[in-house]
Amino acid sequence: MFQIIKLSEEDNIAVSPMDIPENVSIEVHNIKTQTKIPQGHKISIKEIKKGEKIFKYGQIIGEATTNINIGEHVHNHNLAFIEFERNTFNQLTNEVDLKTNSLSKTFEGYSRKNGKIGTRNFIGLVSTVNCSATVVKQIADKINNYLKENSFDNIDGAVCLKHSSGCGMNTNGYGMQVFQRTIEGFKNHPNFSHVFVIGLGCECAQISLFQ
């Protein structure tokens, strides 16, 4: 029996774990293949109009370049990568008014100045470039050793956030945009009470970019 895997309820395609011939029925999804589906490739499980978004894992992976019938092979001949606005936090966050909700629960947390609530209280240490990664790790180790030797029940520890980037980058390129967005994500994470950005001074990813 031929099978396909639907990875998310929002998906309009599924993935084939095997080679599936043309014109065979896939009973679980009540569809019939219109074309051959190679192992590991995508198959349409809904009618997809030209210009509509194609979803896998509940995320947009591209746009249909032509009308795609149920049971058709979905690949680069009818799927194109596109630019589109992403707002991951709004998609994944379900805000609840804890003051009025009858099912309100409480937990021990840390209220941050930006209104977010953390469940941990870490100190973050971020390197702006791979050359300062060793320094950042040594600082984190020093802090963690000091915390072990002394009683700081309200501090969970120091986290070394090192990487292999930051040097020789186009400061206006997409890579730098992703890099800056990642650093900002750590800076604003509610599980960090403070985040220190540490650099050498000669890198493209200057500390001034993250102030």
N, C-alpha and C. Protein backbone atom coordinates (compact mmCIF):
# COMPACT_ATOMS: atom_id res chain seq x y z
N MET A 1 0.84 -1.20 0.00
CA MET A 1 0.00 0.00 0.00
C MET A 1 0.88 1.25 0.00
N PHE A 2 0.54 2.19 -0.84
CA PHE A 2 1.31 3.42 -0.94
C PHE A 2 0.86 4.41 0.13
N GLN A 3 1.84 5.13 0.68
CA GLN A 3 1.55 6.07 1.76
C GLN A 3 2.23 7.40 1.50
N ILE A 4 1.66 8.45 2.07
CA ILE A 4 2.28 9.77 2.08
C ILE A 4 2.16 10.33 3.48
N ILE A 5 2.97 11.35 3.78
CA ILE A 5 3.02 11.90 5.14
C ILE A 5 2.64 13.38 5.09
N LYS A 6 1.55 13.72 5.78
CA LYS A 6 1.15 15.12 5.94
C LYS A 6 1.76 15.62 7.24
N LEU A 7 2.59 16.65 7.15
CA LEU A 7 3.39 17.08 8.29
C LEU A 7 2.69 18.08 9.20
N SER A 8 1.67 18.77 8.69
CA SER A 8 0.94 19.74 9.50
C SER A 8 -0.48 19.87 8.96
N GLU A 9 -1.42 20.21 9.84
CA GLU A 9 -2.81 20.37 9.42
C GLU A 9 -2.97 21.48 8.39
N GLU A 10 -2.09 22.47 8.41
CA GLU A 10 -2.19 23.60 7.49
C GLU A 10 -1.63 23.28 6.11
N ASP A 11 -0.93 22.17 5.96
CA ASP A 11 -0.24 21.87 4.71
C ASP A 11 -1.21 21.55 3.58
N ASN A 12 -0.86 22.00 2.38
CA ASN A 12 -1.61 21.60 1.18
C ASN A 12 -0.80 20.64 0.32
N ILE A 13 0.33 20.18 0.85
CA ILE A 13 1.12 19.13 0.20
C ILE A 13 1.49 18.09 1.26
N ALA A 14 1.89 16.92 0.79
CA ALA A 14 2.40 15.89 1.68
C ALA A 14 3.71 15.37 1.09
N VAL A 15 4.42 14.57 1.86
CA VAL A 15 5.72 14.04 1.42
C VAL A 15 5.60 12.53 1.22
N SER A 16 6.20 12.05 0.15
CA SER A 16 6.15 10.62 -0.15
C SER A 16 7.39 9.92 0.39
N PRO A 17 7.24 8.92 1.26
CA PRO A 17 8.40 8.18 1.78
C PRO A 17 8.85 7.05 0.85
N MET A 18 8.25 6.99 -0.34
CA MET A 18 8.56 5.92 -1.29
C MET A 18 8.26 6.41 -2.70
N ASP A 19 8.77 5.71 -3.70
CA ASP A 19 8.40 6.00 -5.08
C ASP A 19 6.96 5.56 -5.31
N ILE A 20 6.14 6.46 -5.84
CA ILE A 20 4.74 6.13 -6.09
C ILE A 20 4.46 6.30 -7.58
N PRO A 21 3.94 5.28 -8.24
CA PRO A 21 3.65 5.37 -9.68
C PRO A 21 2.48 6.32 -9.96
N GLU A 22 2.32 6.63 -11.22
CA GLU A 22 1.18 7.44 -11.66
C GLU A 22 -0.11 6.62 -11.61
N ASN A 23 -1.21 7.30 -11.32
CA ASN A 23 -2.55 6.72 -11.40
C ASN A 23 -2.78 5.58 -10.39
N VAL A 24 -2.27 5.78 -9.16
CA VAL A 24 -2.56 4.82 -8.10
C VAL A 24 -3.26 5.56 -6.96
N SER A 25 -4.07 4.84 -6.21
CA SER A 25 -4.85 5.44 -5.12
C SER A 25 -4.06 5.41 -3.81
N ILE A 26 -4.20 6.50 -3.07
CA ILE A 26 -3.65 6.58 -1.71
C ILE A 26 -4.85 6.71 -0.79
N GLU A 27 -5.22 5.59 -0.18
CA GLU A 27 -6.51 5.47 0.47
C GLU A 27 -6.68 6.41 1.67
N VAL A 28 -5.63 6.56 2.48
CA VAL A 28 -5.77 7.36 3.70
C VAL A 28 -6.21 8.78 3.38
N HIS A 29 -5.68 9.34 2.30
CA HIS A 29 -6.02 10.72 1.92
C HIS A 29 -7.05 10.77 0.80
N ASN A 30 -7.48 9.60 0.33
CA ASN A 30 -8.52 9.51 -0.69
C ASN A 30 -8.15 10.31 -1.95
N ILE A 31 -6.92 10.14 -2.41
CA ILE A 31 -6.49 10.82 -3.63
C ILE A 31 -5.84 9.81 -4.57
N LYS A 32 -5.73 10.19 -5.84
CA LYS A 32 -5.08 9.36 -6.85
C LYS A 32 -3.95 10.17 -7.48
N THR A 33 -2.79 9.55 -7.62
CA THR A 33 -1.65 10.27 -8.18
C THR A 33 -1.89 10.60 -9.66
N GLN A 34 -1.59 11.82 -10.03
CA GLN A 34 -1.72 12.26 -11.42
C GLN A 34 -0.41 12.11 -12.18
N THR A 35 0.69 12.04 -11.42
CA THR A 35 2.02 11.89 -12.00
C THR A 35 2.83 10.96 -11.09
N LYS A 36 3.99 10.56 -11.54
CA LYS A 36 4.89 9.80 -10.68
C LYS A 36 5.40 10.70 -9.56
N ILE A 37 5.51 10.15 -8.35
CA ILE A 37 6.00 10.90 -7.20
C ILE A 37 7.27 10.21 -6.70
N PRO A 38 8.45 10.81 -6.90
CA PRO A 38 9.69 10.18 -6.41
C PRO A 38 9.74 10.17 -4.89
N GLN A 39 10.50 9.24 -4.35
CA GLN A 39 10.68 9.15 -2.90
C GLN A 39 11.24 10.46 -2.35
N GLY A 40 10.64 10.94 -1.25
CA GLY A 40 11.10 12.16 -0.61
C GLY A 40 10.55 13.43 -1.22
N HIS A 41 9.77 13.31 -2.29
CA HIS A 41 9.23 14.49 -2.96
C HIS A 41 7.82 14.82 -2.46
N LYS A 42 7.32 15.95 -2.92
CA LYS A 42 6.03 16.46 -2.46
C LYS A 42 4.91 16.11 -3.44
N ILE A 43 3.72 15.92 -2.87
CA ILE A 43 2.53 15.66 -3.66
C ILE A 43 1.41 16.58 -3.17
N SER A 44 0.66 17.12 -4.09
CA SER A 44 -0.44 18.01 -3.72
C SER A 44 -1.60 17.21 -3.16
N ILE A 45 -2.13 17.65 -2.01
CA ILE A 45 -3.29 16.98 -1.42
C ILE A 45 -4.52 17.88 -1.46
N LYS A 46 -4.35 19.07 -2.05
CA LYS A 46 -5.46 20.00 -2.26
C LYS A 46 -5.28 20.66 -3.61
N GLU A 47 -6.36 21.21 -4.14
CA GLU A 47 -6.25 22.01 -5.36
C GLU A 47 -5.51 23.30 -5.02
N ILE A 48 -4.46 23.60 -5.76
CA ILE A 48 -3.66 24.81 -5.51
C ILE A 48 -3.68 25.66 -6.78
N LYS A 49 -4.20 26.87 -6.67
CA LYS A 49 -4.28 27.76 -7.81
C LYS A 49 -2.95 28.48 -8.03
N LYS A 50 -2.71 28.89 -9.26
CA LYS A 50 -1.51 29.65 -9.58
C LYS A 50 -1.45 30.90 -8.71
N GLY A 51 -0.30 31.12 -8.07
CA GLY A 51 -0.12 32.28 -7.20
C GLY A 51 -0.42 32.01 -5.74
N GLU A 52 -1.03 30.86 -5.43
CA GLU A 52 -1.32 30.53 -4.04
C GLU A 52 -0.07 30.02 -3.34
N LYS A 53 -0.02 30.21 -2.02
CA LYS A 53 1.12 29.77 -1.23
C LYS A 53 1.07 28.26 -1.02
N ILE A 54 2.25 27.67 -0.96
CA ILE A 54 2.37 26.23 -0.70
C ILE A 54 2.95 26.06 0.70
N PHE A 55 2.28 25.23 1.50
CA PHE A 55 2.64 25.07 2.90
C PHE A 55 3.21 23.68 3.18
N LYS A 56 4.31 23.66 3.95
CA LYS A 56 4.91 22.43 4.44
C LYS A 56 5.35 22.69 5.88
N TYR A 57 5.11 21.76 6.79
CA TYR A 57 5.34 21.98 8.22
C TYR A 57 4.53 23.18 8.73
N GLY A 58 3.45 23.53 8.04
CA GLY A 58 2.66 24.68 8.44
C GLY A 58 3.29 26.01 8.08
N GLN A 59 4.37 25.98 7.29
CA GLN A 59 5.10 27.19 6.91
C GLN A 59 5.09 27.34 5.39
N ILE A 60 5.14 28.58 4.93
CA ILE A 60 5.18 28.84 3.49
C ILE A 60 6.55 28.45 2.94
N ILE A 61 6.56 27.59 1.93
CA ILE A 61 7.83 27.21 1.30
C ILE A 61 7.94 27.74 -0.13
N GLY A 62 6.87 28.37 -0.62
CA GLY A 62 6.92 28.91 -1.97
C GLY A 62 5.54 29.22 -2.50
N GLU A 63 5.49 29.45 -3.80
CA GLU A 63 4.24 29.84 -4.46
C GLU A 63 4.06 29.01 -5.73
N ALA A 64 2.83 28.63 -5.99
CA ALA A 64 2.55 27.83 -7.19
C ALA A 64 2.70 28.70 -8.44
N THR A 65 3.47 28.22 -9.41
CA THR A 65 3.67 28.96 -10.66
C THR A 65 2.65 28.58 -11.72
N THR A 66 1.83 27.57 -11.41
CA THR A 66 0.75 27.14 -12.30
C THR A 66 -0.31 26.46 -11.45
N ASN A 67 -1.47 26.21 -12.01
CA ASN A 67 -2.49 25.46 -11.26
C ASN A 67 -1.99 24.04 -11.01
N ILE A 68 -2.18 23.56 -9.78
CA ILE A 68 -1.72 22.23 -9.40
C ILE A 68 -2.92 21.42 -8.93
N ASN A 69 -3.16 20.30 -9.59
CA ASN A 69 -4.29 19.44 -9.22
C ASN A 69 -3.92 18.52 -8.06
N ILE A 70 -4.94 18.02 -7.39
CA ILE A 70 -4.72 17.04 -6.32
C ILE A 70 -4.03 15.81 -6.91
N GLY A 71 -2.97 15.35 -6.24
CA GLY A 71 -2.26 14.16 -6.69
C GLY A 71 -1.09 14.44 -7.60
N GLU A 72 -0.81 15.72 -7.88
CA GLU A 72 0.31 16.06 -8.76
C GLU A 72 1.62 16.18 -7.98
N HIS A 73 2.70 15.91 -8.68
CA HIS A 73 4.04 16.09 -8.14
C HIS A 73 4.30 17.59 -7.99
N VAL A 74 4.76 18.02 -6.80
CA VAL A 74 5.07 19.43 -6.55
C VAL A 74 6.58 19.55 -6.40
N HIS A 75 7.18 20.30 -7.33
CA HIS A 75 8.64 20.45 -7.32
C HIS A 75 8.97 21.77 -8.00
N ASN A 76 10.23 21.94 -8.43
CA ASN A 76 10.63 23.25 -8.97
C ASN A 76 10.02 23.56 -10.33
N HIS A 77 9.32 22.61 -10.94
CA HIS A 77 8.65 22.89 -12.22
C HIS A 77 7.32 23.62 -12.01
N ASN A 78 6.79 23.58 -10.79
CA ASN A 78 5.53 24.28 -10.51
C ASN A 78 5.53 25.01 -9.16
N LEU A 79 6.72 25.13 -8.58
CA LEU A 79 6.88 25.80 -7.28
C LEU A 79 8.05 26.77 -7.37
N ALA A 80 7.83 28.01 -6.91
CA ALA A 80 8.89 29.02 -6.95
C ALA A 80 9.08 29.61 -5.56
N PHE A 81 10.33 29.89 -5.21
CA PHE A 81 10.62 30.59 -3.96
C PHE A 81 10.28 32.06 -4.12
N ILE A 82 9.72 32.66 -3.07
CA ILE A 82 9.29 34.05 -3.14
C ILE A 82 9.67 34.77 -1.85
N GLU A 83 9.70 36.09 -1.93
CA GLU A 83 9.89 36.92 -0.75
C GLU A 83 8.52 37.25 -0.17
N PHE A 84 8.39 37.16 1.15
CA PHE A 84 7.13 37.51 1.80
C PHE A 84 7.41 37.91 3.23
N GLU A 85 6.49 38.66 3.82
CA GLU A 85 6.65 39.12 5.19
C GLU A 85 6.44 37.98 6.16
N ARG A 86 7.33 37.88 7.14
CA ARG A 86 7.20 36.86 8.17
C ARG A 86 6.98 37.54 9.51
N ASN A 87 6.04 37.02 10.27
CA ASN A 87 5.78 37.54 11.61
C ASN A 87 5.57 36.35 12.53
N THR A 88 6.67 35.65 12.80
CA THR A 88 6.61 34.37 13.52
C THR A 88 5.99 34.51 14.89
N PHE A 89 6.35 35.59 15.61
CA PHE A 89 5.87 35.72 16.98
C PHE A 89 4.36 35.87 17.02
N ASN A 90 3.80 36.67 16.11
CA ASN A 90 2.35 36.84 16.09
C ASN A 90 1.64 35.55 15.71
N GLN A 91 2.28 34.75 14.86
CA GLN A 91 1.66 33.51 14.43
C GLN A 91 1.64 32.48 15.55
N LEU A 92 2.66 32.47 16.38
CA LEU A 92 2.80 31.42 17.38
C LEU A 92 2.33 31.82 18.77
N THR A 93 2.11 33.10 19.00
CA THR A 93 1.78 33.56 20.34
C THR A 93 0.27 33.71 20.51
N ASN A 94 -0.24 33.12 21.57
CA ASN A 94 -1.66 33.25 21.90
C ASN A 94 -1.75 34.01 23.22
N GLU A 95 -2.03 35.31 23.14
CA GLU A 95 -2.04 36.14 24.33
C GLU A 95 -3.31 35.91 25.15
N VAL A 96 -3.14 35.82 26.44
CA VAL A 96 -4.26 35.60 27.35
C VAL A 96 -4.22 36.67 28.43
N ASP A 97 -5.37 37.26 28.72
CA ASP A 97 -5.47 38.24 29.79
C ASP A 97 -5.57 37.48 31.11
N LEU A 98 -4.46 37.41 31.85
CA LEU A 98 -4.42 36.62 33.07
C LEU A 98 -5.29 37.20 34.18
N LYS A 99 -5.62 38.50 34.09
CA LYS A 99 -6.41 39.13 35.14
C LYS A 99 -7.88 38.74 35.05
N THR A 100 -8.37 38.50 33.83
CA THR A 100 -9.80 38.23 33.66
C THR A 100 -10.09 36.78 33.28
N ASN A 101 -9.08 36.04 32.87
CA ASN A 101 -9.31 34.66 32.44
C ASN A 101 -9.64 33.78 33.63
N SER A 102 -10.76 33.04 33.53
CA SER A 102 -11.21 32.21 34.65
C SER A 102 -10.29 31.02 34.89
N LEU A 103 -9.47 30.70 33.90
CA LEU A 103 -8.56 29.56 34.03
C LEU A 103 -7.14 30.02 34.36
N SER A 104 -7.02 31.21 34.93
CA SER A 104 -5.71 31.77 35.21
C SER A 104 -4.90 30.87 36.14
N LYS A 105 -3.63 30.74 35.84
CA LYS A 105 -2.70 30.01 36.68
C LYS A 105 -1.54 30.94 37.00
N THR A 106 -0.82 30.62 38.03
CA THR A 106 0.35 31.43 38.38
C THR A 106 1.59 30.57 38.31
N PHE A 107 2.72 31.21 38.13
CA PHE A 107 4.00 30.51 38.15
C PHE A 107 5.08 31.49 38.59
N GLU A 108 6.17 30.95 39.06
CA GLU A 108 7.29 31.79 39.48
C GLU A 108 8.05 32.23 38.24
N GLY A 109 8.13 33.52 38.04
CA GLY A 109 8.80 34.03 36.86
C GLY A 109 9.48 35.35 37.13
N TYR A 110 10.04 35.92 36.08
CA TYR A 110 10.77 37.18 36.17
C TYR A 110 10.14 38.18 35.21
N SER A 111 9.65 39.28 35.76
CA SER A 111 9.03 40.33 34.96
C SER A 111 10.11 41.24 34.40
N ARG A 112 10.13 41.39 33.06
CA ARG A 112 11.14 42.21 32.41
C ARG A 112 10.60 43.60 32.08
N LYS A 113 11.51 44.53 31.85
CA LYS A 113 11.12 45.91 31.58
C LYS A 113 10.32 46.05 30.28
N ASN A 114 10.54 45.12 29.34
CA ASN A 114 9.82 45.20 28.06
C ASN A 114 8.44 44.54 28.12
N GLY A 115 8.03 44.11 29.33
CA GLY A 115 6.71 43.52 29.50
C GLY A 115 6.68 42.01 29.38
N LYS A 116 7.78 41.39 28.97
CA LYS A 116 7.83 39.94 28.84
C LYS A 116 8.10 39.28 30.19
N ILE A 117 7.79 37.99 30.26
CA ILE A 117 7.97 37.24 31.50
C ILE A 117 8.92 36.08 31.23
N GLY A 118 9.98 35.98 32.03
CA GLY A 118 10.93 34.89 31.88
C GLY A 118 10.72 33.82 32.94
N THR A 119 11.09 32.59 32.60
CA THR A 119 11.02 31.49 33.57
C THR A 119 12.42 31.11 34.07
N ARG A 120 13.43 31.75 33.53
CA ARG A 120 14.81 31.57 33.97
C ARG A 120 15.45 32.95 34.12
N ASN A 121 16.60 32.99 34.78
CA ASN A 121 17.27 34.27 35.00
C ASN A 121 18.76 34.12 34.68
N PHE A 122 19.06 34.12 33.39
CA PHE A 122 20.43 33.94 32.93
C PHE A 122 21.08 35.27 32.58
N ILE A 123 22.40 35.27 32.56
CA ILE A 123 23.20 36.36 32.02
C ILE A 123 23.71 35.91 30.66
N GLY A 124 23.45 36.69 29.63
CA GLY A 124 23.88 36.33 28.28
C GLY A 124 25.16 37.04 27.89
N LEU A 125 26.06 36.32 27.25
CA LEU A 125 27.33 36.88 26.77
C LEU A 125 27.45 36.54 25.29
N VAL A 126 27.37 37.56 24.44
CA VAL A 126 27.34 37.36 22.99
C VAL A 126 28.62 37.90 22.37
N SER A 127 29.24 37.11 21.51
CA SER A 127 30.40 37.60 20.76
C SER A 127 29.92 38.21 19.45
N THR A 128 30.50 39.35 19.08
CA THR A 128 30.14 39.96 17.80
C THR A 128 30.85 39.29 16.64
N VAL A 129 31.90 38.53 16.95
CA VAL A 129 32.73 37.93 15.90
C VAL A 129 33.36 36.66 16.45
N ASN A 130 33.75 35.75 15.55
CA ASN A 130 34.34 34.49 16.00
C ASN A 130 35.63 34.69 16.79
N CYS A 131 36.34 35.79 16.52
CA CYS A 131 37.61 36.04 17.20
C CYS A 131 37.44 36.35 18.69
N SER A 132 36.26 36.80 19.09
CA SER A 132 36.03 37.08 20.51
C SER A 132 35.30 35.94 21.21
N ALA A 133 35.10 34.83 20.50
CA ALA A 133 34.36 33.70 21.07
C ALA A 133 35.08 33.09 22.27
N THR A 134 36.41 32.97 22.18
CA THR A 134 37.17 32.39 23.29
C THR A 134 37.07 33.26 24.54
N VAL A 135 37.15 34.57 24.34
CA VAL A 135 37.03 35.50 25.47
C VAL A 135 35.66 35.37 26.12
N VAL A 136 34.62 35.31 25.30
CA VAL A 136 33.26 35.20 25.81
C VAL A 136 33.09 33.91 26.62
N LYS A 137 33.64 32.81 26.11
CA LYS A 137 33.53 31.54 26.83
C LYS A 137 34.26 31.60 28.17
N GLN A 138 35.44 32.22 28.19
CA GLN A 138 36.19 32.31 29.44
C GLN A 138 35.45 33.18 30.47
N ILE A 139 34.83 34.25 30.01
CA ILE A 139 34.05 35.10 30.92
C ILE A 139 32.88 34.31 31.50
N ALA A 140 32.18 33.57 30.64
CA ALA A 140 31.04 32.76 31.10
C ALA A 140 31.50 31.72 32.12
N ASP A 141 32.63 31.07 31.85
CA ASP A 141 33.16 30.07 32.79
C ASP A 141 33.51 30.70 34.13
N LYS A 142 34.12 31.88 34.09
CA LYS A 142 34.48 32.59 35.33
C LYS A 142 33.24 32.90 36.15
N ILE A 143 32.22 33.41 35.48
CA ILE A 143 30.98 33.77 36.19
C ILE A 143 30.33 32.52 36.78
N ASN A 144 30.24 31.45 35.99
CA ASN A 144 29.59 30.23 36.47
C ASN A 144 30.34 29.60 37.64
N ASN A 145 31.66 29.64 37.59
CA ASN A 145 32.45 29.12 38.72
C ASN A 145 32.22 29.95 39.98
N TYR A 146 32.13 31.27 39.79
CA TYR A 146 31.89 32.15 40.93
C TYR A 146 30.50 31.90 41.53
N LEU A 147 29.52 31.67 40.67
CA LEU A 147 28.16 31.41 41.15
C LEU A 147 28.08 30.10 41.91
N LYS A 148 28.87 29.10 41.48
CA LYS A 148 28.89 27.81 42.18
C LYS A 148 29.49 27.94 43.58
N GLU A 149 30.51 28.79 43.69
CA GLU A 149 31.21 28.94 44.96
C GLU A 149 30.45 29.82 45.94
N ASN A 150 29.48 30.57 45.45
CA ASN A 150 28.71 31.48 46.28
C ASN A 150 27.21 31.21 46.08
N SER A 151 26.44 31.69 46.98
CA SER A 151 24.99 31.43 46.93
C SER A 151 24.27 32.56 46.20
N PHE A 152 23.88 32.28 44.95
CA PHE A 152 23.07 33.21 44.17
C PHE A 152 21.88 32.43 43.62
N ASP A 153 20.90 32.20 44.48
CA ASP A 153 19.76 31.38 44.10
C ASP A 153 18.91 32.01 43.00
N ASN A 154 19.02 33.32 42.85
CA ASN A 154 18.18 34.00 41.85
C ASN A 154 18.87 34.14 40.49
N ILE A 155 20.07 33.58 40.33
CA ILE A 155 20.77 33.63 39.05
C ILE A 155 21.02 32.20 38.58
N ASP A 156 20.53 31.87 37.39
CA ASP A 156 20.65 30.50 36.88
C ASP A 156 22.01 30.23 36.24
N GLY A 157 22.73 31.28 35.90
CA GLY A 157 24.05 31.07 35.31
C GLY A 157 24.31 32.02 34.16
N ALA A 158 25.51 31.90 33.60
CA ALA A 158 25.91 32.70 32.44
C ALA A 158 25.95 31.81 31.21
N VAL A 159 25.46 32.32 30.10
CA VAL A 159 25.39 31.55 28.86
C VAL A 159 26.32 32.17 27.83
N CYS A 160 27.22 31.37 27.29
CA CYS A 160 28.13 31.81 26.23
C CYS A 160 27.45 31.62 24.88
N LEU A 161 27.23 32.71 24.16
CA LEU A 161 26.58 32.67 22.85
C LEU A 161 27.62 33.03 21.79
N LYS A 162 28.46 32.06 21.47
CA LYS A 162 29.52 32.29 20.48
C LYS A 162 29.12 31.72 19.13
N HIS A 163 29.82 32.15 18.09
CA HIS A 163 29.49 31.72 16.73
C HIS A 163 30.74 31.89 15.87
N SER A 164 30.62 31.59 14.59
CA SER A 164 31.78 31.65 13.69
C SER A 164 31.61 32.73 12.62
N SER A 165 30.79 33.73 12.90
CA SER A 165 30.51 34.76 11.90
C SER A 165 30.95 36.13 12.41
N GLY A 166 30.49 37.20 11.73
CA GLY A 166 30.75 38.56 12.17
C GLY A 166 31.91 39.25 11.51
N CYS A 167 32.79 38.49 10.83
CA CYS A 167 33.98 39.08 10.21
C CYS A 167 33.90 38.93 8.69
N GLY A 168 34.35 39.95 7.97
CA GLY A 168 34.37 39.87 6.51
C GLY A 168 32.99 39.80 5.91
N MET A 169 32.01 40.47 6.52
CA MET A 169 30.63 40.42 6.04
C MET A 169 30.26 41.73 5.35
N ASN A 170 29.35 41.64 4.39
CA ASN A 170 28.77 42.83 3.78
C ASN A 170 27.80 43.44 4.78
N THR A 171 28.10 44.62 5.27
CA THR A 171 27.29 45.22 6.34
C THR A 171 25.87 45.55 5.89
N ASN A 172 25.63 45.58 4.58
CA ASN A 172 24.29 45.86 4.06
C ASN A 172 23.63 44.63 3.45
N GLY A 173 24.28 43.47 3.59
CA GLY A 173 23.77 42.26 2.95
C GLY A 173 22.77 41.51 3.81
N TYR A 174 22.17 40.49 3.18
CA TYR A 174 21.15 39.69 3.87
C TYR A 174 21.75 38.93 5.05
N GLY A 175 23.00 38.45 4.88
CA GLY A 175 23.66 37.72 5.97
C GLY A 175 23.78 38.56 7.22
N MET A 176 24.12 39.84 7.05
CA MET A 176 24.23 40.73 8.21
C MET A 176 22.86 40.99 8.82
N GLN A 177 21.82 41.08 8.00
CA GLN A 177 20.47 41.27 8.52
C GLN A 177 20.05 40.10 9.41
N VAL A 178 20.33 38.88 8.94
CA VAL A 178 20.00 37.69 9.73
C VAL A 178 20.82 37.67 11.02
N PHE A 179 22.10 38.02 10.90
CA PHE A 179 22.99 38.05 12.06
C PHE A 179 22.47 39.03 13.11
N GLN A 180 22.13 40.25 12.68
CA GLN A 180 21.64 41.26 13.61
C GLN A 180 20.32 40.83 14.25
N ARG A 181 19.44 40.24 13.45
CA ARG A 181 18.15 39.80 13.97
C ARG A 181 18.32 38.71 15.03
N THR A 182 19.30 37.83 14.80
CA THR A 182 19.57 36.76 15.77
C THR A 182 20.08 37.33 17.09
N ILE A 183 21.03 38.26 17.00
CA ILE A 183 21.57 38.89 18.21
C ILE A 183 20.47 39.63 18.96
N GLU A 184 19.62 40.36 18.23
CA GLU A 184 18.53 41.09 18.87
C GLU A 184 17.56 40.13 19.56
N GLY A 185 17.37 38.96 18.96
CA GLY A 185 16.50 37.96 19.58
C GLY A 185 17.02 37.52 20.93
N PHE A 186 18.33 37.31 21.03
CA PHE A 186 18.93 36.95 22.31
C PHE A 186 18.84 38.11 23.30
N LYS A 187 19.10 39.33 22.81
CA LYS A 187 19.08 40.50 23.70
C LYS A 187 17.71 40.70 24.34
N ASN A 188 16.66 40.39 23.60
CA ASN A 188 15.30 40.64 24.09
C ASN A 188 14.62 39.40 24.66
N HIS A 189 15.37 38.31 24.77
CA HIS A 189 14.76 37.07 25.29
C HIS A 189 14.46 37.23 26.78
N PRO A 190 13.24 36.89 27.20
CA PRO A 190 12.86 37.11 28.61
C PRO A 190 13.62 36.26 29.62
N ASN A 191 14.30 35.21 29.17
CA ASN A 191 15.06 34.39 30.13
C ASN A 191 16.45 34.95 30.42
N PHE A 192 16.77 36.09 29.80
CA PHE A 192 18.02 36.79 30.11
C PHE A 192 17.70 38.06 30.90
N SER A 193 18.34 38.19 32.06
CA SER A 193 18.18 39.44 32.82
C SER A 193 19.03 40.54 32.19
N HIS A 194 20.24 40.18 31.76
CA HIS A 194 21.14 41.11 31.10
C HIS A 194 21.89 40.36 30.00
N VAL A 195 22.17 41.06 28.91
CA VAL A 195 22.95 40.48 27.82
C VAL A 195 24.09 41.44 27.48
N PHE A 196 25.31 40.92 27.49
CA PHE A 196 26.49 41.71 27.18
C PHE A 196 27.03 41.30 25.82
N VAL A 197 27.20 42.27 24.93
CA VAL A 197 27.74 42.02 23.60
C VAL A 197 29.22 42.40 23.61
N ILE A 198 30.08 41.45 23.25
CA ILE A 198 31.52 41.63 23.39
C ILE A 198 32.20 41.46 22.03
N GLY A 199 33.02 42.44 21.66
CA GLY A 199 33.72 42.38 20.38
C GLY A 199 35.18 42.78 20.52
N LEU A 200 35.89 42.76 19.38
CA LEU A 200 37.30 43.14 19.36
C LEU A 200 37.49 44.57 18.85
N GLY A 201 36.61 45.00 17.96
CA GLY A 201 36.71 46.36 17.43
C GLY A 201 37.03 46.42 15.95
N CYS A 202 37.57 45.33 15.38
CA CYS A 202 37.96 45.35 13.97
C CYS A 202 36.96 44.64 13.07
N GLU A 203 35.93 44.02 13.66
CA GLU A 203 34.99 43.21 12.88
C GLU A 203 33.97 44.07 12.15
N CYS A 204 33.33 43.48 11.14
CA CYS A 204 32.26 44.18 10.42
C CYS A 204 31.04 44.36 11.31
N ALA A 205 30.75 43.36 12.14
CA ALA A 205 29.60 43.43 13.05
C ALA A 205 30.00 44.22 14.29
N GLN A 206 30.06 45.53 14.15
CA GLN A 206 30.47 46.39 15.25
C GLN A 206 29.43 46.40 16.38
N ILE A 207 29.91 46.60 17.60
CA ILE A 207 29.01 46.64 18.76
C ILE A 207 27.96 47.73 18.60
N SER A 208 28.32 48.81 17.92
CA SER A 208 27.38 49.93 17.75
C SER A 208 26.11 49.51 17.01
N LEU A 209 26.18 48.41 16.26
CA LEU A 209 25.00 47.93 15.54
C LEU A 209 23.96 47.34 16.48
N PHE A 210 24.37 47.01 17.70
CA PHE A 210 23.48 46.29 18.62
C PHE A 210 23.14 47.10 19.86
N GLN A 211 23.45 48.38 19.87
CA GLN A 211 23.14 49.21 21.04
C GLN A 211 21.72 49.73 20.96
